[in-house]
Amino acid sequence: MPTLETTAAFFMVSLLLAFAPGPDNLFVLMQAATHGRKAGMMVVLGLCTGLIFHTAAVALGLAALFAASATAFVIVKFAGAAYLAWLAWQAFRAPVAEVPDAAVAAALPPRLALPPRLYVRGILMNISNPKVVLFFLALLPQFVDPKIGPLALQLSWFGFVFIIATLLAFGTISVLAALIGRLLRTSARAQRTMNRLAGLVFAGLALRLATAER
């Protein structure tokens, strides 16, 4: 198994990468701000579940085959872009909830939007992004040492560490975004603004993924 020093170094790199602006943490931010902390955390768990898929792909050598196939990249890329475009359409069409009096609104819990569905969205968001596989294929092997044990086991270990770092980073983003979003949800105008902003974010992510190069 990798040494504690190597694991700690990889964890710090993973944490910095998780906090760096990108499609996944932006997705978490918008969902938590729009629907609340619990909904945001369901998205986080879904994204981390998707990372299990990518870790397994790299550990089993499937990612190398995927990276060599331009056709597979294009198929997954456009499937993910289509899904994000559908989410953008749903966000633009989302209704505005009835806004209660300010005194009552302050005591209301955050509004949820079918957390189980958001968990599935997180999984689809992650596994439909082919660049995540290529990213894992480029990052994880850099910390592997063939002299200390089986490569598959080491890759799985670093994938697990990356998931923990992602869970901590995205969880923090979810909590902070939910605190701000809860205040905004007391205003119908703010709700419409958040829905439209979420739609623009999803549309932008769809365009970015559709035009991504290997």
Protein backbone atom coordinates (compact mmCIF):
# COMPACT_ATOMS: atom_id res chain seq x y z
CA MET A 1 0.00 0.00 0.00
CA PRO A 2 1.13 3.62 -0.56
CA THR A 3 2.92 5.36 2.28
CA LEU A 4 1.19 7.84 4.58
CA GLU A 5 3.20 10.68 3.07
CA THR A 6 2.14 9.77 -0.47
CA THR A 7 -1.49 9.38 0.58
CA ALA A 8 -1.45 12.74 2.39
CA ALA A 9 0.08 14.47 -0.64
CA PHE A 10 -2.53 12.92 -2.94
CA PHE A 11 -5.32 13.93 -0.54
CA MET A 12 -4.20 17.57 -0.54
CA VAL A 13 -4.00 17.61 -4.34
CA SER A 14 -7.45 16.03 -4.55
CA LEU A 15 -8.91 18.54 -2.11
CA LEU A 16 -7.54 21.49 -4.09
CA LEU A 17 -8.86 20.02 -7.33
CA ALA A 18 -12.29 19.44 -5.79
CA PHE A 19 -12.55 23.07 -4.68
CA ALA A 20 -11.34 24.39 -8.04
CA PRO A 21 -14.26 25.72 -10.13
CA GLY A 22 -15.64 23.02 -12.40
CA PRO A 23 -18.87 21.47 -13.69
CA ASP A 24 -19.43 19.14 -10.73
CA ASN A 25 -19.00 21.58 -7.85
CA LEU A 26 -20.94 24.21 -9.79
CA PHE A 27 -23.73 21.65 -10.17
CA VAL A 28 -23.66 21.07 -6.39
CA LEU A 29 -23.70 24.80 -5.68
CA MET A 30 -26.74 25.48 -7.84
CA GLN A 31 -28.74 22.50 -6.57
CA ALA A 32 -28.03 23.32 -2.90
CA ALA A 33 -28.83 27.01 -3.37
CA THR A 34 -32.05 26.17 -5.22
CA HIS A 35 -33.35 23.20 -3.21
CA GLY A 36 -31.52 23.20 0.13
CA ARG A 37 -28.69 21.46 1.98
CA LYS A 38 -30.16 17.94 1.99
CA ALA A 39 -30.84 18.08 -1.73
CA GLY A 40 -27.32 19.38 -2.31
CA MET A 41 -25.85 16.52 -0.29
CA MET A 42 -27.84 14.00 -2.32
CA VAL A 43 -26.19 15.42 -5.43
CA VAL A 44 -22.80 15.18 -3.72
CA LEU A 45 -23.41 11.52 -2.85
CA GLY A 46 -24.49 10.85 -6.43
CA LEU A 47 -21.34 12.46 -7.83
CA CYS A 48 -19.17 10.45 -5.43
CA THR A 49 -20.96 7.27 -6.47
CA GLY A 50 -20.07 8.11 -10.05
CA LEU A 51 -16.43 8.41 -8.99
CA ILE A 52 -16.58 4.78 -7.84
CA PHE A 53 -17.37 3.86 -11.44
CA HIS A 54 -14.39 5.84 -12.74
CA THR A 55 -12.07 4.38 -10.09
CA ALA A 56 -13.10 0.85 -11.05
CA ALA A 57 -12.63 1.67 -14.74
CA VAL A 58 -9.07 2.88 -14.18
CA ALA A 59 -8.17 0.05 -11.78
CA LEU A 60 -9.44 -2.58 -14.22
CA GLY A 61 -7.71 -0.98 -17.19
CA LEU A 62 -10.94 -0.08 -18.97
CA ALA A 63 -10.13 3.63 -18.96
CA ALA A 64 -7.08 3.05 -21.16
CA LEU A 65 -9.29 1.34 -23.75
CA PHE A 66 -11.85 4.15 -23.49
CA ALA A 67 -9.15 6.80 -23.89
CA ALA A 68 -8.03 5.12 -27.11
CA SER A 69 -11.53 5.12 -28.61
CA ALA A 70 -12.60 8.39 -30.19
CA THR A 71 -16.06 6.96 -30.90
CA ALA A 72 -16.71 6.07 -27.26
CA PHE A 73 -15.63 9.54 -26.19
CA VAL A 74 -18.00 11.24 -28.64
CA ILE A 75 -20.98 9.03 -27.74
CA VAL A 76 -20.63 9.56 -23.99
CA LYS A 77 -19.89 13.27 -24.49
CA PHE A 78 -23.07 14.00 -26.44
CA ALA A 79 -25.19 11.80 -24.17
CA GLY A 80 -24.00 13.83 -21.18
CA ALA A 81 -24.54 17.12 -23.02
CA ALA A 82 -28.10 16.10 -23.93
CA TYR A 83 -28.85 15.26 -20.30
CA LEU A 84 -27.53 18.62 -19.11
CA ALA A 85 -29.58 20.41 -21.77
CA TRP A 86 -32.68 18.63 -20.46
CA LEU A 87 -31.86 19.79 -16.93
CA ALA A 88 -31.52 23.35 -18.25
CA TRP A 89 -34.98 23.11 -19.82
CA GLN A 90 -36.43 21.77 -16.56
CA ALA A 91 -34.84 24.61 -14.58
CA PHE A 92 -36.22 27.29 -16.91
CA ARG A 93 -39.71 25.77 -16.58
CA ALA A 94 -39.55 25.25 -12.79
CA PRO A 95 -42.52 26.85 -10.97
CA VAL A 96 -42.05 29.41 -8.21
CA ALA A 97 -43.28 28.26 -4.80
CA GLU A 98 -45.76 30.41 -2.92
CA VAL A 99 -43.85 32.79 -0.67
CA PRO A 100 -45.12 32.97 2.95
CA ASP A 101 -44.88 35.91 5.30
CA ALA A 102 -41.34 36.73 6.37
CA ALA A 103 -41.91 35.60 9.97
CA VAL A 104 -43.26 32.23 8.83
CA ALA A 105 -40.65 31.81 6.09
CA ALA A 106 -37.80 32.13 8.57
CA ALA A 107 -39.02 29.02 10.41
CA LEU A 108 -39.55 26.89 7.29
CA PRO A 109 -37.14 24.05 6.44
CA PRO A 110 -35.34 24.19 3.08
CA ARG A 111 -37.46 23.19 0.10
CA LEU A 112 -36.49 19.79 -1.33
CA ALA A 113 -36.86 18.61 -4.90
CA LEU A 114 -37.09 14.84 -4.78
CA PRO A 115 -33.68 14.04 -3.20
CA PRO A 116 -33.56 10.46 -4.61
CA ARG A 117 -33.91 11.91 -8.10
CA LEU A 118 -31.12 14.37 -7.36
CA TYR A 119 -28.92 11.46 -6.26
CA VAL A 120 -29.47 9.82 -9.65
CA ARG A 121 -28.77 13.16 -11.34
CA GLY A 122 -25.44 13.32 -9.56
CA ILE A 123 -24.50 9.83 -10.76
CA LEU A 124 -25.50 10.58 -14.35
CA MET A 125 -23.74 13.94 -14.26
CA ASN A 126 -20.49 12.23 -13.28
CA ILE A 127 -20.45 9.06 -15.36
CA SER A 128 -21.66 10.85 -18.51
CA ASN A 129 -18.61 13.11 -18.46
CA PRO A 130 -15.87 11.28 -20.40
CA LYS A 131 -13.26 13.80 -19.29
CA VAL A 132 -13.50 12.46 -15.73
CA VAL A 133 -12.24 9.07 -16.92
CA LEU A 134 -9.37 10.71 -18.78
CA PHE A 135 -8.62 12.86 -15.73
CA PHE A 136 -8.46 9.81 -13.48
CA LEU A 137 -6.28 8.02 -16.01
CA ALA A 138 -3.84 10.95 -15.99
CA LEU A 139 -3.85 11.68 -12.22
CA LEU A 140 -3.99 8.40 -10.33
CA PRO A 141 -1.05 6.57 -11.98
CA GLN A 142 1.30 9.43 -11.04
CA PHE A 143 1.10 8.34 -7.38
CA VAL A 144 1.42 4.61 -8.01
CA ASP A 145 4.63 2.70 -7.27
CA PRO A 146 4.84 -0.78 -8.90
CA LYS A 147 7.46 -1.79 -6.33
CA ILE A 148 5.14 -1.71 -3.31
CA GLY A 149 2.19 -3.81 -4.46
CA PRO A 150 -0.49 -4.57 -7.06
CA LEU A 151 -1.31 -1.57 -9.25
CA ALA A 152 -5.06 -2.22 -9.19
CA LEU A 153 -5.08 -2.12 -5.39
CA GLN A 154 -3.11 1.12 -5.28
CA LEU A 155 -5.34 2.75 -7.91
CA SER A 156 -8.42 1.71 -5.95
CA TRP A 157 -6.93 3.19 -2.78
CA PHE A 158 -6.20 6.53 -4.41
CA GLY A 159 -9.67 6.53 -5.97
CA PHE A 160 -11.12 6.07 -2.47
CA VAL A 161 -9.00 8.94 -1.13
CA PHE A 162 -10.14 11.15 -4.01
CA ILE A 163 -13.78 10.35 -3.22
CA ILE A 164 -13.27 11.31 0.45
CA ALA A 165 -11.67 14.61 -0.57
CA THR A 166 -14.49 15.28 -3.01
CA LEU A 167 -17.11 14.47 -0.38
CA LEU A 168 -15.56 16.96 2.06
CA ALA A 169 -15.12 19.72 -0.52
CA PHE A 170 -18.49 19.37 -2.21
CA GLY A 171 -20.22 18.91 1.16
CA THR A 172 -18.78 22.24 2.31
CA ILE A 173 -19.95 23.92 -0.88
CA SER A 174 -23.42 22.41 -0.41
CA VAL A 175 -23.77 23.68 3.17
CA LEU A 176 -22.62 27.21 2.36
CA ALA A 177 -24.74 27.46 -0.80
CA ALA A 178 -27.82 26.21 1.09
CA LEU A 179 -27.45 28.91 3.74
CA ILE A 180 -27.50 31.60 1.08
CA GLY A 181 -30.22 29.89 -0.94
CA ARG A 182 -32.52 29.59 2.08
CA LEU A 183 -32.58 33.37 2.41
CA LEU A 184 -33.24 33.80 -1.30
CA ARG A 185 -36.14 31.31 -1.27
CA THR A 186 -38.26 33.73 0.79
CA SER A 187 -38.58 35.90 -2.34
CA ALA A 188 -40.54 34.86 -5.43
CA ARG A 189 -38.36 37.12 -7.55
CA ALA A 190 -35.22 35.53 -6.13
CA GLN A 191 -36.63 32.06 -6.84
CA ARG A 192 -37.21 32.96 -10.47
CA THR A 193 -33.70 34.37 -10.67
CA MET A 194 -32.20 31.20 -9.16
CA ASN A 195 -34.17 28.98 -11.53
CA ARG A 196 -33.05 30.96 -14.54
CA LEU A 197 -29.48 31.06 -13.30
CA ALA A 198 -29.57 27.29 -12.77
CA GLY A 199 -30.90 26.89 -16.31
CA LEU A 200 -28.09 29.02 -17.70
CA VAL A 201 -25.52 27.04 -15.72
CA PHE A 202 -26.84 23.71 -17.02
CA ALA A 203 -27.00 25.06 -20.57
CA GLY A 204 -23.44 26.33 -20.27
CA LEU A 205 -22.23 23.00 -18.93
CA ALA A 206 -24.02 21.20 -21.78
CA LEU A 207 -22.33 23.42 -24.34
CA ARG A 208 -18.95 23.01 -22.66
CA LEU A 209 -19.25 19.23 -22.65
CA ALA A 210 -20.55 19.08 -26.23
CA THR A 211 -17.54 21.06 -27.46
CA ALA A 212 -14.96 19.29 -25.25
CA GLU A 213 -11.92 17.82 -26.93
CA ARG A 214 -10.05 14.71 -25.81
